[in-house]
Structure formats: structure tokens, C-alpha cells
Amino acid sequence: MSVAGDAMMVERAYDTQDGLYDVAWSEINENQLVVSSGDGSIKLWDTTLADFPIQNWQEHQREVFSVDWNLVAKDVFASSSWDHTIKIWNPQASRSLTTFTEHTHCVYSTAWSPYSATRLASASGDQTVKIWDTHSPRSVQTLRAHHNEILSVDWNKYQEHMLATGSVDKMIKVWDLRRADREVICLPGHEYAVRRVRWSPHRPNVLGSASYDMSVRFWDTAASPGQNLIHVHDAHTEFALGLDFNLYLEGQVATCAWDEKVNVFIPPALMRR
């Protein structure tokens, strides 16, 4: 979309046969994006071409819940599905490069490490987070992270071994993979499942979360215990499902929800001083 004043105009729109669960921009082509679908397909679109995908992969057996493009290698992306699998893809290849099959429940989220070309994390309904290296057929580490389904995982952008998880148990947890026997910090406060966690690209201690309680919350993980919650955004009127930080404007966040709205704002606690 293009922004003109306060208005947004649609530049391109594509019709699909089923609901869409996730989207990720290519890291090697500014005009391409990959989209995951409820029919198990993954499609690669080019905004400069006709109204048909330039790639259409149909390997997953269930809904594809997430896609994430590798920020380091840039020529691969990962997908995760309700069929319990994670797949690694190259946009030029007609089939997946690798399939990981250790999870025993839906895989809701995958996230590539911002420090490694081959390392990624996955969050699953089997209550675990697994760390993978694409050079190995088996996971290299497993965290028994929550006592309920884990819906989201994200790597800290400044601390190589740190990640955050969000769960149906309403909790957000921060982990150090070097000492993964217990969480570094637990952040209670949401009233329903935590659907998305996302670290700030500008501050190593700022974390955002979106929840089925309709709120988006922001946390300072370096604050004193009990003082971690720094802002609650409660403008959505349905489940809040997504959020992301603007890489180019410090503090700005976009959120989306089932109320069919995208909110773009800067939380007061994140305004530059």
C-alpha cells in the first residue's frame, strides 16, 4: 500500500482459493513475497508481473501457519504447518530442500536466527521450542518452554542466545539458550493466549506481544520484577494477532486484529527522548 497523507491506496491485490495465514517479503528481490495458505500451499508472488504466482508449492498436508525469510542467507525461507512439519525452501527450487519432522503437534511459528545463516527456532503445540541447524537432520536443542501450546517465538536482535516465547498459557517467557533449564524472566499480564511476540530492532530489552485478549502490550525485560509492563495498546476490538516494529522509524509499530484494522503508532514509552 502507498501512504498519501492519512490515506492508503491498494497497489496490487491477488485472489486466492483459501484463507491466508502469513506473508514474508523476499530478502533478495524487493518485488517478491511469499504467502502461506489454509489449503496447504505456499505461493511466491511478484508485484511487477501478472495476477498469477511465479511459484506454487503444494507439499504441506495441512494449513501452513507461518513463513519466515532467512535474514542472513537470504536465498531460503522456512514454513511451518499444522501437519507438524517445518520445511526449508529456495524460491528457485520446485521442491523443498529439507523437511523437519520431530514435532508431535502443530508448528505455529518459525524464526530464523539473525546471527546465523543455518539456525532457526520453531514453536509448537507440543509445548516445546526446538532449535534447528539446516546442516543437521535432527534438532540441536529442545526447550520444554510452557505447559500449554506455544504460538510464537522470536530471537532477540542484540543478544545471540536469547529468544522469547508466547503461549496459550497467557505467559511470555524469555530464554537464554546457554542456560535453558529455566526461563530468564516470565511476563504475566495477558488475559488470554499470547498469539505473537516480537523483539524491538532498536532496543535489546523491549519486547512486544499481541493476544487474544485484544490487547497489544510492550515490555521492558531489564526493568525491576513487576515493573516490566510499559504500555498497553487496547484500540483493537477483536483478537490481536500480529505486530511488527518498523526497522526504519524507531518506536513505530504496526498491529493487526480480527477487527479488520491495522493500527500504526508509536507507544509513548518508546518515543525517543
C-alpha atoms as a PDB file:
ATOM      1  CA  MET A   1       0.000   0.000   0.000  1.00  0.00           C
ATOM      2  CA  SER A   2       1.088   3.592  -0.599  1.00  0.00           C
ATOM      3  CA  VAL A   3       0.575   6.206   2.080  1.00  0.00           C
ATOM      4  CA  ALA A   4      -0.804   9.566   0.946  1.00  0.00           C
ATOM      5  CA  GLY A   5      -1.455  11.745   3.971  1.00  0.00           C
ATOM      6  CA  ASP A   6      -3.580   9.564   6.225  1.00  0.00           C
ATOM      7  CA  ALA A   7      -4.943   7.509   3.320  1.00  0.00           C
ATOM      8  CA  MET A   8      -3.695   4.189   1.990  1.00  0.00           C
ATOM      9  CA  MET A   9      -4.168   3.007  -1.559  1.00  0.00           C
ATOM     10  CA  VAL A  10      -4.002  -0.593  -2.722  1.00  0.00           C
ATOM     11  CA  GLU A  11      -1.256  -1.079  -5.303  1.00  0.00           C
ATOM     12  CA  ARG A  12      -1.728  -4.784  -6.004  1.00  0.00           C
ATOM     13  CA  ALA A  13      -4.319  -7.366  -4.939  1.00  0.00           C
ATOM     14  CA  TYR A  14      -4.401 -11.121  -5.560  1.00  0.00           C
ATOM     15  CA  ASP A  15      -7.290 -13.560  -5.270  1.00  0.00           C
ATOM     16  CA  THR A  16      -6.644 -16.908  -3.548  1.00  0.00           C
ATOM     17  CA  GLN A  17      -8.669 -20.070  -3.034  1.00  0.00           C
ATOM     18  CA  ASP A  18      -8.355 -20.191   0.749  1.00  0.00           C
ATOM     19  CA  GLY A  19      -7.564 -18.099   3.814  1.00  0.00           C
ATOM     20  CA  LEU A  20      -4.033 -16.778   4.179  1.00  0.00           C
ATOM     21  CA  TYR A  21      -2.056 -17.214   7.390  1.00  0.00           C
ATOM     22  CA  ASP A  22       1.262 -15.445   6.862  1.00  0.00           C
ATOM     23  CA  VAL A  23       3.361 -13.401   4.449  1.00  0.00           C
ATOM     24  CA  ALA A  24       7.076 -12.585   4.205  1.00  0.00           C
ATOM     25  CA  TRP A  25       8.926 -10.267   1.855  1.00  0.00           C
ATOM     26  CA  SER A  26      11.828 -11.728  -0.093  1.00  0.00           C
ATOM     27  CA  GLU A  27      15.270 -10.756   1.147  1.00  0.00           C
ATOM     28  CA  ILE A  28      16.735 -10.930  -2.376  1.00  0.00           C
ATOM     29  CA  ASN A  29      14.033  -9.343  -4.549  1.00  0.00           C
ATOM     30  CA  GLU A  30      12.167  -6.246  -3.409  1.00  0.00           C
ATOM     31  CA  ASN A  31       9.175  -7.100  -5.611  1.00  0.00           C
ATOM     32  CA  GLN A  32       8.589 -10.630  -4.366  1.00  0.00           C
ATOM     33  CA  LEU A  33       6.740 -12.012  -1.372  1.00  0.00           C
ATOM     34  CA  VAL A  34       5.830 -15.487  -0.192  1.00  0.00           C
ATOM     35  CA  VAL A  35       2.375 -16.276   1.230  1.00  0.00           C
ATOM     36  CA  SER A  36       1.128 -19.303   3.187  1.00  0.00           C
ATOM     37  CA  SER A  37      -2.404 -20.623   2.844  1.00  0.00           C
ATOM     38  CA  GLY A  38      -5.047 -22.667   4.590  1.00  0.00           C
ATOM     39  CA  ASP A  39      -5.097 -25.146   1.702  1.00  0.00           C
ATOM     40  CA  GLY A  40      -1.509 -26.220   2.470  1.00  0.00           C
ATOM     41  CA  SER A  41       0.013 -24.261  -0.402  1.00  0.00           C
ATOM     42  CA  ILE A  42       2.805 -21.696  -0.450  1.00  0.00           C
ATOM     43  CA  LYS A  43       2.868 -19.155  -3.263  1.00  0.00           C
ATOM     44  CA  LEU A  44       5.528 -16.737  -4.421  1.00  0.00           C
ATOM     45  CA  TRP A  45       4.183 -13.535  -5.973  1.00  0.00           C
ATOM     46  CA  ASP A  46       5.945 -10.815  -7.941  1.00  0.00           C
ATOM     47  CA  THR A  47       4.260  -7.408  -7.767  1.00  0.00           C
ATOM     48  CA  THR A  48       5.582  -6.429 -11.196  1.00  0.00           C
ATOM     49  CA  LEU A  49       4.081  -9.412 -13.003  1.00  0.00           C
ATOM     50  CA  ALA A  50       0.625 -10.760 -13.910  1.00  0.00           C
ATOM     51  CA  ASP A  51      -2.007 -11.890 -11.443  1.00  0.00           C
ATOM     52  CA  PHE A  52      -0.588 -15.387 -11.073  1.00  0.00           C
ATOM     53  CA  PRO A  53       2.071 -16.673  -8.669  1.00  0.00           C
ATOM     54  CA  ILE A  54       5.527 -17.319 -10.095  1.00  0.00           C
ATOM     55  CA  GLN A  55       5.888 -20.368  -7.818  1.00  0.00           C
ATOM     56  CA  ASN A  56       3.261 -22.588  -6.241  1.00  0.00           C
ATOM     57  CA  TRP A  57       4.381 -25.275  -3.798  1.00  0.00           C
ATOM     58  CA  GLN A  58       1.937 -27.892  -2.500  1.00  0.00           C
ATOM     59  CA  GLU A  59       3.821 -30.189  -0.120  1.00  0.00           C
ATOM     60  CA  HIS A  60       2.278 -29.465   3.270  1.00  0.00           C
ATOM     61  CA  GLN A  61      -0.704 -31.633   4.133  1.00  0.00           C
ATOM     62  CA  ARG A  62      -2.455 -29.096   6.356  1.00  0.00           C
ATOM     63  CA  GLU A  63      -2.682 -25.342   6.852  1.00  0.00           C
ATOM     64  CA  VAL A  64       0.656 -23.510   6.556  1.00  0.00           C
ATOM     65  CA  PHE A  65       0.699 -21.318   9.611  1.00  0.00           C
ATOM     66  CA  SER A  66       3.918 -19.342   9.126  1.00  0.00           C
ATOM     67  CA  VAL A  67       6.591 -18.358   6.628  1.00  0.00           C
ATOM     68  CA  ASP A  68       9.848 -16.640   7.565  1.00  0.00           C
ATOM     69  CA  TRP A  69      12.601 -15.457   5.220  1.00  0.00           C
ATOM     70  CA  ASN A  70      16.227 -16.012   6.217  1.00  0.00           C
ATOM     71  CA  LEU A  71      17.822 -12.652   7.037  1.00  0.00           C
ATOM     72  CA  VAL A  72      21.397 -13.909   6.722  1.00  0.00           C
ATOM     73  CA  ALA A  73      21.491 -16.450   3.885  1.00  0.00           C
ATOM     74  CA  LYS A  74      18.693 -14.547   2.077  1.00  0.00           C
ATOM     75  CA  ASP A  75      18.127 -17.267  -0.560  1.00  0.00           C
ATOM     76  CA  VAL A  76      15.978 -19.539   1.632  1.00  0.00           C
ATOM     77  CA  PHE A  77      12.830 -19.300   3.708  1.00  0.00           C
ATOM     78  CA  ALA A  78      11.097 -21.605   6.199  1.00  0.00           C
ATOM     79  CA  SER A  79       7.484 -22.680   6.576  1.00  0.00           C
ATOM     80  CA  SER A  80       5.655 -24.399   9.408  1.00  0.00           C
ATOM     81  CA  SER A  81       2.361 -26.240   9.298  1.00  0.00           C
ATOM     82  CA  TRP A  82      -0.434 -27.900  11.171  1.00  0.00           C
ATOM     83  CA  ASP A  83       0.885 -31.131   9.626  1.00  0.00           C
ATOM     84  CA  HIS A  84       3.595 -30.992  12.363  1.00  0.00           C
ATOM     85  CA  THR A  85       6.433 -30.284   9.885  1.00  0.00           C
ATOM     86  CA  ILE A  86       8.867 -27.493   9.083  1.00  0.00           C
ATOM     87  CA  LYS A  87      10.162 -27.113   5.542  1.00  0.00           C
ATOM     88  CA  ILE A  88      13.073 -25.148   4.115  1.00  0.00           C
ATOM     89  CA  TRP A  89      12.690 -23.682   0.631  1.00  0.00           C
ATOM     90  CA  ASN A  90      14.688 -21.938  -2.070  1.00  0.00           C
ATOM     91  CA  PRO A  91      12.496 -19.755  -4.311  1.00  0.00           C
ATOM     92  CA  GLN A  92      14.210 -21.155  -7.415  1.00  0.00           C
ATOM     93  CA  ALA A  93      13.616 -24.820  -6.497  1.00  0.00           C
ATOM     94  CA  SER A  94      10.460 -26.718  -7.383  1.00  0.00           C
ATOM     95  CA  ARG A  95      10.526 -28.753  -4.158  1.00  0.00           C
ATOM     96  CA  SER A  96      11.518 -28.120  -0.549  1.00  0.00           C
ATOM     97  CA  LEU A  97      15.182 -28.524   0.368  1.00  0.00           C
ATOM     98  CA  THR A  98      14.628 -30.070   3.800  1.00  0.00           C
ATOM     99  CA  THR A  99      11.765 -31.266   5.984  1.00  0.00           C
ATOM    100  CA  PHE A 100      11.970 -31.451   9.793  1.00  0.00           C
ATOM    101  CA  THR A 101       9.500 -33.837  11.421  1.00  0.00           C
ATOM    102  CA  GLU A 102      10.253 -34.072  15.174  1.00  0.00           C
ATOM    103  CA  HIS A 103       7.330 -32.026  16.469  1.00  0.00           C
ATOM    104  CA  THR A 104       4.281 -34.037  17.545  1.00  0.00           C
ATOM    105  CA  HIS A 105       1.720 -31.232  17.195  1.00  0.00           C
ATOM    106  CA  CYS A 106       1.008 -28.205  15.007  1.00  0.00           C
ATOM    107  CA  VAL A 107       4.034 -25.986  14.389  1.00  0.00           C
ATOM    108  CA  TYR A 108       2.733 -22.459  14.795  1.00  0.00           C
ATOM    109  CA  SER A 109       5.836 -20.368  14.305  1.00  0.00           C
ATOM    110  CA  THR A 110       9.364 -20.462  12.914  1.00  0.00           C
ATOM    111  CA  ALA A 111      12.025 -17.773  13.195  1.00  0.00           C
ATOM    112  CA  TRP A 112      15.494 -17.628  11.656  1.00  0.00           C
ATOM    113  CA  SER A 113      18.328 -16.504  13.885  1.00  0.00           C
ATOM    114  CA  PRO A 114      19.537 -13.005  12.940  1.00  0.00           C
ATOM    115  CA  TYR A 115      23.075 -14.217  13.689  1.00  0.00           C
ATOM    116  CA  SER A 116      23.277 -17.474  11.725  1.00  0.00           C
ATOM    117  CA  ALA A 117      22.543 -18.492   8.142  1.00  0.00           C
ATOM    118  CA  THR A 118      21.574 -22.024   9.166  1.00  0.00           C
ATOM    119  CA  ARG A 119      19.895 -21.723  12.574  1.00  0.00           C
ATOM    120  CA  LEU A 120      16.169 -21.375  13.240  1.00  0.00           C
ATOM    121  CA  ALA A 121      13.694 -21.855  16.080  1.00  0.00           C
ATOM    122  CA  SER A 122      10.227 -23.400  15.958  1.00  0.00           C
ATOM    123  CA  ALA A 123       7.294 -23.163  18.377  1.00  0.00           C
ATOM    124  CA  SER A 124       4.732 -25.946  18.593  1.00  0.00           C
ATOM    125  CA  GLY A 125       1.545 -27.115  20.201  1.00  0.00           C
ATOM    126  CA  ASP A 126       3.586 -29.956  21.730  1.00  0.00           C
ATOM    127  CA  GLN A 127       4.743 -27.375  24.345  1.00  0.00           C
ATOM    128  CA  THR A 128       8.309 -27.247  23.024  1.00  0.00           C
ATOM    129  CA  VAL A 129      10.586 -24.882  21.194  1.00  0.00           C
ATOM    130  CA  LYS A 130      13.161 -26.613  19.036  1.00  0.00           C
ATOM    131  CA  ILE A 131      16.375 -25.161  17.677  1.00  0.00           C
ATOM    132  CA  TRP A 132      17.459 -26.449  14.278  1.00  0.00           C
ATOM    133  CA  ASP A 133      20.552 -26.247  12.127  1.00  0.00           C
ATOM    134  CA  THR A 134      19.890 -26.865   8.458  1.00  0.00           C
ATOM    135  CA  HIS A 135      23.083 -28.924   8.271  1.00  0.00           C
ATOM    136  CA  SER A 136      21.607 -31.456  10.712  1.00  0.00           C
ATOM    137  CA  PRO A 137      18.557 -33.722  10.175  1.00  0.00           C
ATOM    138  CA  ARG A 138      17.680 -33.548  13.880  1.00  0.00           C
ATOM    139  CA  SER A 139      17.061 -30.611  16.179  1.00  0.00           C
ATOM    140  CA  VAL A 140      20.111 -29.422  18.106  1.00  0.00           C
ATOM    141  CA  GLN A 141      18.204 -28.280  21.212  1.00  0.00           C
ATOM    142  CA  THR A 142      14.725 -28.665  22.723  1.00  0.00           C
ATOM    143  CA  LEU A 143      13.146 -26.380  25.322  1.00  0.00           C
ATOM    144  CA  ARG A 144      10.174 -27.578  27.367  1.00  0.00           C
ATOM    145  CA  ALA A 145       9.124 -23.979  27.385  1.00  0.00           C
ATOM    146  CA  HIS A 146       5.475 -23.907  28.541  1.00  0.00           C
ATOM    147  CA  HIS A 147       2.744 -26.139  29.953  1.00  0.00           C
ATOM    148  CA  ASN A 148       0.478 -25.388  27.005  1.00  0.00           C
ATOM    149  CA  GLU A 149       0.669 -24.783  23.255  1.00  0.00           C
ATOM    150  CA  ILE A 150       3.364 -22.320  22.152  1.00  0.00           C
ATOM    151  CA  LEU A 151       2.116 -19.982  19.446  1.00  0.00           C
ATOM    152  CA  SER A 152       5.084 -17.698  18.806  1.00  0.00           C
ATOM    153  CA  VAL A 153       8.860 -17.449  19.092  1.00  0.00           C
ATOM    154  CA  ASP A 154      11.279 -14.650  18.222  1.00  0.00           C
ATOM    155  CA  TRP A 155      15.038 -14.094  18.510  1.00  0.00           C
ATOM    156  CA  ASN A 156      16.493 -11.089  20.275  1.00  0.00           C
ATOM    157  CA  LYS A 157      18.226  -8.859  17.725  1.00  0.00           C
ATOM    158  CA  TYR A 158      21.099  -7.912  20.049  1.00  0.00           C
ATOM    159  CA  GLN A 159      21.746 -11.000  22.152  1.00  0.00           C
ATOM    160  CA  GLU A 160      22.581 -14.044  20.083  1.00  0.00           C
ATOM    161  CA  HIS A 161      21.404 -16.713  22.517  1.00  0.00           C
ATOM    162  CA  MET A 162      18.204 -15.053  23.727  1.00  0.00           C
ATOM    163  CA  LEU A 163      14.664 -15.625  22.488  1.00  0.00           C
ATOM    164  CA  ALA A 164      11.092 -15.047  23.623  1.00  0.00           C
ATOM    165  CA  THR A 165       8.055 -17.317  23.522  1.00  0.00           C
ATOM    166  CA  GLY A 166       4.305 -16.718  23.788  1.00  0.00           C
ATOM    167  CA  SER A 167       1.803 -19.391  24.777  1.00  0.00           C
ATOM    168  CA  VAL A 168      -1.811 -20.359  25.269  1.00  0.00           C
ATOM    169  CA  ASP A 169      -0.991 -20.332  28.997  1.00  0.00           C
ATOM    170  CA  LYS A 170      -1.110 -16.476  28.743  1.00  0.00           C
ATOM    171  CA  MET A 171       2.574 -16.210  29.563  1.00  0.00           C
ATOM    172  CA  ILE A 172       5.552 -14.682  27.770  1.00  0.00           C
ATOM    173  CA  LYS A 173       8.916 -16.174  28.635  1.00  0.00           C
ATOM    174  CA  VAL A 174      12.446 -15.061  27.806  1.00  0.00           C
ATOM    175  CA  TRP A 175      15.120 -17.726  27.388  1.00  0.00           C
ATOM    176  CA  ASP A 176      18.908 -17.879  27.258  1.00  0.00           C
ATOM    177  CA  LEU A 177      19.824 -20.946  25.202  1.00  0.00           C
ATOM    178  CA  ARG A 178      23.101 -21.334  27.080  1.00  0.00           C
ATOM    179  CA  ARG A 179      21.130 -21.942  30.300  1.00  0.00           C
ATOM    180  CA  ALA A 180      17.826 -23.305  29.040  1.00  0.00           C
ATOM    181  CA  ASP A 181      16.803 -25.296  32.134  1.00  0.00           C
ATOM    182  CA  ARG A 182      14.534 -22.391  33.123  1.00  0.00           C
ATOM    183  CA  GLU A 183      13.416 -19.069  31.719  1.00  0.00           C
ATOM    184  CA  VAL A 184      15.320 -15.844  32.348  1.00  0.00           C
ATOM    185  CA  ILE A 185      12.083 -13.979  33.022  1.00  0.00           C
ATOM    186  CA  CYS A 186       8.358 -14.701  32.909  1.00  0.00           C
ATOM    187  CA  LEU A 187       5.976 -11.896  31.927  1.00  0.00           C
ATOM    188  CA  PRO A 188       2.375 -12.412  33.088  1.00  0.00           C
ATOM    189  CA  GLY A 189      -0.359  -9.923  32.271  1.00  0.00           C
ATOM    190  CA  HIS A 190      -2.305 -11.070  29.226  1.00  0.00           C
ATOM    191  CA  GLU A 191      -5.756 -12.468  29.988  1.00  0.00           C
ATOM    192  CA  TYR A 192      -5.851 -14.935  27.079  1.00  0.00           C
ATOM    193  CA  ALA A 193      -3.415 -16.726  24.782  1.00  0.00           C
ATOM    194  CA  VAL A 194      -0.385 -14.800  23.514  1.00  0.00           C
ATOM    195  CA  ARG A 195      -0.509 -15.023  19.727  1.00  0.00           C
ATOM    196  CA  ARG A 196       2.648 -13.099  18.771  1.00  0.00           C
ATOM    197  CA  VAL A 197       5.877 -11.949  20.421  1.00  0.00           C
ATOM    198  CA  ARG A 198       8.336  -9.636  18.696  1.00  0.00           C
ATOM    199  CA  TRP A 199      11.605  -8.085  19.875  1.00  0.00           C
ATOM    200  CA  SER A 200      12.367  -4.471  19.037  1.00  0.00           C
ATOM    201  CA  PRO A 201      15.035  -3.979  16.342  1.00  0.00           C
ATOM    202  CA  HIS A 202      16.226  -0.832  18.138  1.00  0.00           C
ATOM    203  CA  ARG A 203      16.339  -1.685  21.852  1.00  0.00           C
ATOM    204  CA  PRO A 204      17.610  -5.034  23.179  1.00  0.00           C
ATOM    205  CA  ASN A 205      15.292  -5.023  26.204  1.00  0.00           C
ATOM    206  CA  VAL A 206      11.979  -4.052  24.531  1.00  0.00           C
ATOM    207  CA  LEU A 207       9.503  -6.765  23.612  1.00  0.00           C
ATOM    208  CA  GLY A 208       6.018  -6.513  22.103  1.00  0.00           C
ATOM    209  CA  SER A 209       3.162  -9.027  22.349  1.00  0.00           C
ATOM    210  CA  ALA A 210      -0.286  -9.463  20.782  1.00  0.00           C
ATOM    211  CA  SER A 211      -3.021 -11.516  22.390  1.00  0.00           C
ATOM    212  CA  TYR A 212      -6.475 -12.985  22.022  1.00  0.00           C
ATOM    213  CA  ASP A 213      -7.444 -10.641  24.888  1.00  0.00           C
ATOM    214  CA  MET A 214      -7.487  -7.923  22.141  1.00  0.00           C
ATOM    215  CA  SER A 215      -4.541  -6.058  23.639  1.00  0.00           C
ATOM    216  CA  VAL A 216      -1.013  -5.405  22.420  1.00  0.00           C
ATOM    217  CA  ARG A 217       1.488  -4.973  25.218  1.00  0.00           C
ATOM    218  CA  PHE A 218       5.050  -3.702  25.450  1.00  0.00           C
ATOM    219  CA  TRP A 219       7.597  -4.881  27.971  1.00  0.00           C
ATOM    220  CA  ASP A 220      10.960  -3.781  29.319  1.00  0.00           C
ATOM    221  CA  THR A 221      12.773  -7.008  30.170  1.00  0.00           C
ATOM    222  CA  ALA A 222      15.519  -5.084  32.001  1.00  0.00           C
ATOM    223  CA  ALA A 223      13.119  -3.419  34.449  1.00  0.00           C
ATOM    224  CA  SER A 224      12.678  -4.484  38.050  1.00  0.00           C
ATOM    225  CA  PRO A 225      10.394  -7.507  38.579  1.00  0.00           C
ATOM    226  CA  GLY A 226       6.765  -6.427  38.451  1.00  0.00           C
ATOM    227  CA  GLN A 227       7.662  -3.234  36.553  1.00  0.00           C
ATOM    228  CA  ASN A 228       8.202  -4.837  33.146  1.00  0.00           C
ATOM    229  CA  LEU A 229       4.911  -3.779  31.517  1.00  0.00           C
ATOM    230  CA  ILE A 230       5.464  -0.310  29.987  1.00  0.00           C
ATOM    231  CA  HIS A 231       2.457   0.183  27.695  1.00  0.00           C
ATOM    232  CA  VAL A 232      -0.902  -1.401  26.808  1.00  0.00           C
ATOM    233  CA  HIS A 233      -2.432  -0.687  23.396  1.00  0.00           C
ATOM    234  CA  ASP A 234      -6.142  -1.520  23.657  1.00  0.00           C
ATOM    235  CA  ALA A 235      -7.566   0.073  20.492  1.00  0.00           C
ATOM    236  CA  HIS A 236      -8.463  -3.257  18.842  1.00  0.00           C
ATOM    237  CA  THR A 237     -11.937  -4.693  19.378  1.00  0.00           C
ATOM    238  CA  GLU A 238     -11.218  -8.293  18.364  1.00  0.00           C
ATOM    239  CA  PHE A 239      -8.370 -10.794  18.750  1.00  0.00           C
ATOM    240  CA  ALA A 240      -4.998  -9.084  18.237  1.00  0.00           C
ATOM    241  CA  LEU A 241      -2.930 -11.456  16.131  1.00  0.00           C
ATOM    242  CA  GLY A 242       0.044  -9.623  14.671  1.00  0.00           C
ATOM    243  CA  LEU A 243       2.570  -6.915  15.371  1.00  0.00           C
ATOM    244  CA  ASP A 244       5.863  -5.792  13.936  1.00  0.00           C
ATOM    245  CA  PHE A 245       8.326  -2.975  14.584  1.00  0.00           C
ATOM    246  CA  ASN A 246       9.317  -0.546  11.838  1.00  0.00           C
ATOM    247  CA  LEU A 247      13.002  -1.079  11.033  1.00  0.00           C
ATOM    248  CA  TYR A 248      13.376   2.491   9.787  1.00  0.00           C
ATOM    249  CA  LEU A 249      11.469   4.570  12.332  1.00  0.00           C
ATOM    250  CA  GLU A 250      12.404   3.813  15.911  1.00  0.00           C
ATOM    251  CA  GLY A 251       9.456   3.010  18.155  1.00  0.00           C
ATOM    252  CA  GLN A 252       6.816   2.767  15.412  1.00  0.00           C
ATOM    253  CA  VAL A 253       4.707  -0.396  15.468  1.00  0.00           C
ATOM    254  CA  ALA A 254       2.045  -1.897  13.211  1.00  0.00           C
ATOM    255  CA  THR A 255      -0.595  -4.234  14.668  1.00  0.00           C
ATOM    256  CA  CYS A 256      -3.486  -6.166  13.145  1.00  0.00           C
ATOM    257  CA  ALA A 257      -6.554  -7.904  14.527  1.00  0.00           C
ATOM    258  CA  TRP A 258      -9.781  -9.673  13.665  1.00  0.00           C
ATOM    259  CA  ASP A 259     -11.498  -6.281  13.756  1.00  0.00           C
ATOM    260  CA  GLU A 260     -10.140  -5.882  10.187  1.00  0.00           C
ATOM    261  CA  LYS A 261      -7.942  -2.956  11.229  1.00  0.00           C
ATOM    262  CA  VAL A 262      -4.234  -2.249  11.034  1.00  0.00           C
ATOM    263  CA  ASN A 263      -3.036   0.231  13.649  1.00  0.00           C
ATOM    264  CA  VAL A 264       0.236   2.105  13.129  1.00  0.00           C
ATOM    265  CA  PHE A 265       1.502   4.042  16.142  1.00  0.00           C
ATOM    266  CA  ILE A 266       4.398   4.813  18.475  1.00  0.00           C
ATOM    267  CA  PRO A 267       3.752   3.760  22.085  1.00  0.00           C
ATOM    268  CA  PRO A 268       4.517   6.682  24.435  1.00  0.00           C
ATOM    269  CA  ALA A 269       7.050   4.555  26.314  1.00  0.00           C
ATOM    270  CA  LEU A 270       9.017   4.052  23.101  1.00  0.00           C
ATOM    271  CA  MET A 271       9.142   7.661  21.958  1.00  0.00           C
ATOM    272  CA  ARG A 272      12.687   8.919  21.534  1.00  0.00           C
ATOM    273  CA  ARG A 273      13.810  11.191  24.319  1.00  0.00           C
END
